């Protein structure tokens, strides 16, 4: 019996060690990917270049900001519509199914008495 318990504890600890090692490897891979993406995309340099461009060409920068803002409005409206529609469908389905279950339960109980 003690041998079985020792085997279980050994396998559990080895499994836990494996999972922890795998998680650590995954975290280190993610950190390397983020750092390589930062090196490739160079977001800070692009941000500074964008600020410099907006100082040199304020009309173009204003146009780009307005264009992006006006492009986001329809996307946000669609997402709000999709979320509200989904919630309405789920709520109405809940009420419909509840009523159906109530009627069926009522019919079953009534038929037995």
Protein backbone atom coordinates (compact mmCIF):
# COMPACT_ATOMS: atom_id res chain seq x y z
CA UNK A 1 0.00 0.00 0.00
CA UNK A 2 2.83 2.39 0.89
CA UNK A 3 4.55 1.60 -2.41
CA UNK A 4 1.43 2.64 -4.29
CA UNK A 5 1.22 5.90 -2.33
CA UNK A 6 4.89 6.64 -3.01
CA UNK A 7 4.39 5.96 -6.74
CA UNK A 8 1.38 8.27 -6.81
CA UNK A 9 3.29 11.03 -5.00
CA UNK A 10 6.28 10.62 -7.31
CA UNK A 11 4.16 10.73 -10.44
CA UNK A 12 2.19 13.71 -9.12
CA UNK A 13 5.33 15.67 -8.31
CA UNK A 14 6.89 14.83 -11.69
CA UNK A 15 3.68 15.89 -13.44
CA UNK A 16 3.58 19.13 -11.46
CA UNK A 17 7.24 19.80 -12.30
CA UNK A 18 6.53 19.12 -15.97
CA UNK A 19 3.57 21.52 -16.01
CA UNK A 20 5.58 24.24 -14.23
CA UNK A 21 8.52 23.81 -16.61
CA UNK A 22 6.21 23.96 -19.61
CA UNK A 23 4.55 27.11 -18.27
CA UNK A 24 7.93 28.75 -17.67
CA UNK A 25 9.04 27.85 -21.20
CA UNK A 26 5.82 29.29 -22.61
CA UNK A 27 6.26 32.53 -20.68
CA UNK A 28 9.86 32.89 -21.84
CA UNK A 29 8.82 32.24 -25.46
CA UNK A 30 6.09 34.89 -25.19
CA UNK A 31 8.58 37.39 -23.76
CA UNK A 32 11.00 36.68 -26.61
CA UNK A 33 8.20 37.10 -29.17
CA UNK A 34 7.14 40.44 -27.67
CA UNK A 35 10.70 41.72 -27.56
CA UNK A 36 11.34 40.64 -31.15
CA UNK A 37 8.09 42.31 -32.23
CA UNK A 38 9.19 45.50 -30.44
CA UNK A 39 12.55 45.32 -32.22
CA UNK A 40 10.88 44.75 -35.58
CA UNK A 41 8.00 47.24 -35.30
CA UNK A 42 9.79 49.87 -33.17
CA UNK A 43 6.58 51.45 -31.81
CA UNK A 44 8.31 54.18 -29.79
CA UNK A 45 10.21 55.43 -32.82
CA UNK A 46 7.04 55.39 -34.92
CA UNK A 47 5.16 57.29 -32.21
CA UNK A 48 7.85 59.97 -32.16
CA UNK A 49 7.84 60.13 -35.97
CA UNK A 50 4.05 60.53 -35.92
CA UNK A 51 4.29 63.36 -33.39
CA UNK A 52 6.92 65.07 -35.54
CA UNK A 53 4.75 64.65 -38.66
CA UNK A 54 1.75 66.13 -36.85
CA UNK A 55 3.84 69.17 -35.88
CA UNK A 56 5.02 69.64 -39.47
CA UNK A 57 1.65 68.92 -41.14
CA UNK A 58 -1.19 69.77 -38.74
CA UNK A 59 -3.91 69.71 -41.43
CA UNK A 60 -2.96 66.21 -42.60
CA UNK A 61 -2.75 64.99 -39.01
CA UNK A 62 -6.19 66.47 -38.29
CA UNK A 63 -7.58 64.74 -41.40
CA UNK A 64 -6.12 61.38 -40.35
CA UNK A 65 -7.50 61.71 -36.81
CA UNK A 66 -10.98 62.61 -38.10
CA UNK A 67 -10.83 59.78 -40.66
CA UNK A 68 -9.96 57.21 -37.98
CA UNK A 69 -12.59 58.55 -35.58
CA UNK A 70 -15.31 58.50 -38.24
CA UNK A 71 -14.29 54.99 -39.30
CA UNK A 72 -14.58 53.71 -35.73
CA UNK A 73 -18.16 54.97 -35.27
CA UNK A 74 -19.85 52.48 -37.66
CA UNK A 75 -17.75 49.60 -36.31
CA UNK A 76 -18.67 50.50 -32.73
CA UNK A 77 -22.37 50.81 -33.68
CA UNK A 78 -22.27 47.38 -35.34
CA UNK A 79 -20.59 45.80 -32.32
CA UNK A 80 -23.16 47.38 -29.98
CA UNK A 81 -25.97 46.13 -32.25
CA UNK A 82 -24.50 42.61 -32.30
CA UNK A 83 -24.10 42.48 -28.52
CA UNK A 84 -27.60 43.87 -27.86
CA UNK A 85 -29.15 41.48 -30.38
CA UNK A 86 -27.36 38.52 -28.82
CA UNK A 87 -28.53 39.50 -25.34
CA UNK A 88 -32.11 39.99 -26.56
CA UNK A 89 -32.11 36.59 -28.28
CA UNK A 90 -30.70 34.83 -25.23
CA UNK A 91 -33.20 36.53 -22.92
CA UNK A 92 -36.18 35.79 -25.11
CA UNK A 93 -35.00 32.19 -25.57
CA UNK A 94 -34.80 31.85 -21.80
CA UNK A 95 -38.37 33.09 -21.35
CA UNK A 96 -39.67 30.99 -24.25
CA UNK A 97 -37.98 27.82 -23.04
CA UNK A 98 -39.13 28.52 -19.48
CA UNK A 99 -42.73 28.84 -20.66
CA UNK A 100 -42.46 25.67 -22.75
CA UNK A 101 -41.01 23.71 -19.84
CA UNK A 102 -43.72 25.08 -17.56
CA UNK A 103 -46.48 24.03 -19.97
CA UNK A 104 -44.99 20.57 -20.47
CA UNK A 105 -44.52 20.11 -16.74
CA UNK A 106 -48.08 21.28 -16.13
CA UNK A 107 -49.38 18.80 -18.74
CA UNK A 108 -47.38 15.93 -17.22
CA UNK A 109 -48.50 16.72 -13.68
CA UNK A 110 -52.13 17.17 -14.78
CA UNK A 111 -52.12 13.84 -16.68
CA UNK A 112 -50.94 11.97 -13.58
CA UNK A 113 -53.60 13.39 -11.28
